[in-house]
C-alpha atoms as a PDB file:
ATOM      1  CA  MET A   1       0.000   0.000   0.000  1.00  0.00           C
ATOM      2  CA  ALA A   2       1.307   3.447  -0.891  1.00  0.00           C
ATOM      3  CA  TYR A   3       1.621   6.141   1.704  1.00  0.00           C
ATOM      4  CA  ILE A   4       2.445   9.824   1.519  1.00  0.00           C
ATOM      5  CA  ASP A   5       5.509  10.952   3.433  1.00  0.00           C
ATOM      6  CA  THR A   6       6.114  14.721   3.146  1.00  0.00           C
ATOM      7  CA  ARG A   7       9.533  15.992   4.230  1.00  0.00           C
ATOM      8  CA  PRO A   8      12.062  18.764   3.412  1.00  0.00           C
ATOM      9  CA  ALA A   9      13.960  18.358   0.125  1.00  0.00           C
ATOM     10  CA  ALA A  10      17.647  17.352   0.406  1.00  0.00           C
ATOM     11  CA  ARG A  11      20.324  19.384  -1.373  1.00  0.00           C
ATOM     12  CA  LEU A  12      24.071  19.551  -1.905  1.00  0.00           C
ATOM     13  CA  GLY A  13      25.697  20.476   1.416  1.00  0.00           C
ATOM     14  CA  ASP A  14      22.914  19.147   3.637  1.00  0.00           C
ATOM     15  CA  ILE A  15      24.211  16.865   6.389  1.00  0.00           C
ATOM     16  CA  GLY A  16      24.141  13.087   6.780  1.00  0.00           C
ATOM     17  CA  SER A  17      23.946  11.949  10.406  1.00  0.00           C
ATOM     18  CA  ALA A  18      26.673  10.409  12.506  1.00  0.00           C
ATOM     19  CA  HIS A  19      26.673   6.785  13.625  1.00  0.00           C
ATOM     20  CA  GLY A  20      28.898   5.004  16.124  1.00  0.00           C
ATOM     21  CA  CYS A  21      32.221   6.874  16.309  1.00  0.00           C
ATOM     22  CA  TYR A  22      31.734   8.281  12.790  1.00  0.00           C
ATOM     23  CA  PRO A  23      30.928  12.014  12.485  1.00  0.00           C
ATOM     24  CA  GLU A  24      28.301  13.807  10.418  1.00  0.00           C
ATOM     25  CA  THR A  25      29.332  14.579   6.815  1.00  0.00           C
ATOM     26  CA  PRO A  26      27.791  16.702   4.047  1.00  0.00           C
ATOM     27  CA  ILE A  27      26.208  15.602   0.784  1.00  0.00           C
ATOM     28  CA  ILE A  28      28.875  16.286  -1.883  1.00  0.00           C
ATOM     29  CA  GLU A  29      27.064  15.226  -5.066  1.00  0.00           C
ATOM     30  CA  GLY A  30      23.835  16.440  -6.647  1.00  0.00           C
ATOM     31  CA  SER A  31      22.008  17.168  -9.889  1.00  0.00           C
ATOM     32  CA  ALA A  32      23.907  19.291 -12.415  1.00  0.00           C
ATOM     33  CA  ASP A  33      20.729  20.890 -13.748  1.00  0.00           C
ATOM     34  CA  VAL A  34      18.011  20.873 -11.045  1.00  0.00           C
ATOM     35  CA  ILE A  35      18.413  23.475  -8.298  1.00  0.00           C
ATOM     36  CA  CYS A  36      16.535  23.986  -5.003  1.00  0.00           C
ATOM     37  CA  ASN A  37      17.126  27.184  -2.998  1.00  0.00           C
ATOM     38  CA  GLY A  38      20.251  27.855  -5.076  1.00  0.00           C
ATOM     39  CA  ARG A  39      21.779  24.408  -4.481  1.00  0.00           C
ATOM     40  CA  PRO A  40      21.808  21.217  -6.595  1.00  0.00           C
ATOM     41  CA  VAL A  41      19.210  18.697  -5.425  1.00  0.00           C
ATOM     42  CA  ALA A  42      20.346  15.427  -3.827  1.00  0.00           C
ATOM     43  CA  ARG A  43      19.082  12.126  -5.225  1.00  0.00           C
ATOM     44  CA  LEU A  44      19.153   8.413  -4.486  1.00  0.00           C
ATOM     45  CA  GLY A  45      22.759   7.265  -5.043  1.00  0.00           C
ATOM     46  CA  ASP A  46      24.417  10.681  -4.578  1.00  0.00           C
ATOM     47  CA  ALA A  47      27.574  10.698  -2.443  1.00  0.00           C
ATOM     48  CA  LEU A  48      28.281  12.141   0.972  1.00  0.00           C
ATOM     49  CA  LEU A  49      31.805  12.955   2.117  1.00  0.00           C
ATOM     50  CA  ASP A  50      33.608   9.803   3.321  1.00  0.00           C
ATOM     51  CA  HIS A  51      33.836   9.629   7.070  1.00  0.00           C
ATOM     52  CA  GLY A  52      35.999   7.912   9.652  1.00  0.00           C
ATOM     53  CA  CYS A  53      36.989   8.109  13.278  1.00  0.00           C
ATOM     54  CA  SER A  54      40.199   7.646  15.253  1.00  0.00           C
ATOM     55  CA  ARG A  55      39.362   3.984  16.007  1.00  0.00           C
ATOM     56  CA  CYS A  56      37.951   2.877  12.639  1.00  0.00           C
ATOM     57  CA  ASN A  57      38.724   3.087   8.941  1.00  0.00           C
ATOM     58  CA  SER A  58      37.130   5.717   6.735  1.00  0.00           C
ATOM     59  CA  HIS A  59      34.320   4.567   4.460  1.00  0.00           C
ATOM     60  CA  PRO A  60      32.302   6.052   1.584  1.00  0.00           C
ATOM     61  CA  ARG A  61      28.646   6.987   1.975  1.00  0.00           C
ATOM     62  CA  MET A  62      25.713   7.430  -0.395  1.00  0.00           C
ATOM     63  CA  ILE A  63      22.046   8.292  -0.179  1.00  0.00           C
ATOM     64  CA  ALA A  64      20.114   4.999  -0.055  1.00  0.00           C
ATOM     65  CA  ALA A  65      16.472   6.162  -0.171  1.00  0.00           C
ATOM     66  CA  GLY A  66      14.321   8.834  -1.784  1.00  0.00           C
ATOM     67  CA  ALA A  67      10.841   9.832  -2.925  1.00  0.00           C
ATOM     68  CA  ALA A  68       9.707   7.197  -5.450  1.00  0.00           C
ATOM     69  CA  GLY A  69       7.210   9.518  -7.131  1.00  0.00           C
ATOM     70  CA  VAL A  70       9.494  12.558  -7.484  1.00  0.00           C
ATOM     71  CA  LEU A  71      12.315  11.839  -9.926  1.00  0.00           C
ATOM     72  CA  VAL A  72      15.236  14.137 -10.736  1.00  0.00           C
ATOM     73  CA  ASN A  73      17.332  13.013 -13.693  1.00  0.00           C
ATOM     74  CA  GLY A  74      15.581   9.628 -13.442  1.00  0.00           C
ATOM     75  CA  ARG A  75      16.425   9.117  -9.751  1.00  0.00           C
ATOM     76  CA  PRO A  76      14.273   9.615  -6.624  1.00  0.00           C
ATOM     77  CA  TRP A  77      14.791  12.987  -4.918  1.00  0.00           C
ATOM     78  CA  ALA A  78      16.215  12.541  -1.399  1.00  0.00           C
ATOM     79  CA  ARG A  79      14.546  14.095   1.630  1.00  0.00           C
ATOM     80  CA  GLN A  80      15.316  14.792   5.256  1.00  0.00           C
ATOM     81  CA  GLY A  81      15.125  11.462   7.105  1.00  0.00           C
ATOM     82  CA  ASP A  82      15.941   9.298   4.070  1.00  0.00           C
ATOM     83  CA  ALA A  83      18.560   6.607   4.672  1.00  0.00           C
ATOM     84  CA  VAL A  84      22.291   6.829   4.051  1.00  0.00           C
ATOM     85  CA  ASP A  85      23.723   3.409   3.189  1.00  0.00           C
ATOM     86  CA  CYS A  86      26.140   3.129   6.136  1.00  0.00           C
ATOM     87  CA  GLY A  87      23.485   3.556   8.804  1.00  0.00           C
ATOM     88  CA  GLY A  88      22.873   7.289   8.980  1.00  0.00           C
ATOM     89  CA  VAL A  89      20.090   9.470   7.591  1.00  0.00           C
ATOM     90  CA  VAL A  90      19.893  12.779   5.737  1.00  0.00           C
ATOM     91  CA  GLN A  91      19.477  15.384   8.494  1.00  0.00           C
ATOM     92  CA  GLY A  92      19.290  18.642   6.569  1.00  0.00           C
ATOM     93  CA  GLY A  93      16.752  19.856   4.065  1.00  0.00           C
ATOM     94  CA  SER A  94      15.071  22.872   2.526  1.00  0.00           C
ATOM     95  CA  GLY A  95      13.079  25.108   4.825  1.00  0.00           C
ATOM     96  CA  ASP A  96      10.436  25.775   2.183  1.00  0.00           C
ATOM     97  CA  VAL A  97      10.455  22.925  -0.375  1.00  0.00           C
ATOM     98  CA  LEU A  98       8.650  19.794   0.817  1.00  0.00           C
ATOM     99  CA  ILE A  99       8.435  16.519  -1.087  1.00  0.00           C
ATOM    100  CA  GLY A 100       5.580  14.112  -0.525  1.00  0.00           C
ATOM    101  CA  ALA A 101       5.758  10.718  -2.194  1.00  0.00           C
ATOM    102  CA  ARG A 102       6.067   7.006  -1.636  1.00  0.00           C
ATOM    103  CA  ARG A 103       9.438   5.909  -0.333  1.00  0.00           C
ATOM    104  CA  SER A 104      11.974   4.265  -2.675  1.00  0.00           C
ATOM    105  CA  GLU A 105      15.030   2.357  -1.487  1.00  0.00           C
ATOM    106  CA  VAL A 106      18.142   0.815  -2.996  1.00  0.00           C
ATOM    107  CA  PRO A 107      17.416  -2.908  -3.571  1.00  0.00           C
ATOM    108  CA  GLY A 108      19.090  -5.078  -0.933  1.00  0.00           C
ATOM    109  CA  LYS A 109      19.603  -2.245   1.580  1.00  0.00           C
END
């Protein structure tokens, strides 16, 4: 069953949450031609800055979920609260652009 989940739109520079000893890191990849509040929009599969801590190795991160019904360049637009593949979530988002759609996730995640 579909459900509507309305949340702030994610953009380049918005933050992905910390987990364990790993710190927060920003989204570093976004659409080249779709802009929200002057910043490229973030989509399913876009990268966040790698993160690490003093006890563990650094690892890459990517957005692992997005709005299934709102596609940007053929990929679901990420929103505040959508998953990051290493265990975090997108924390930041637009203060005035909200996206409401069914949730879409990376298969196997």
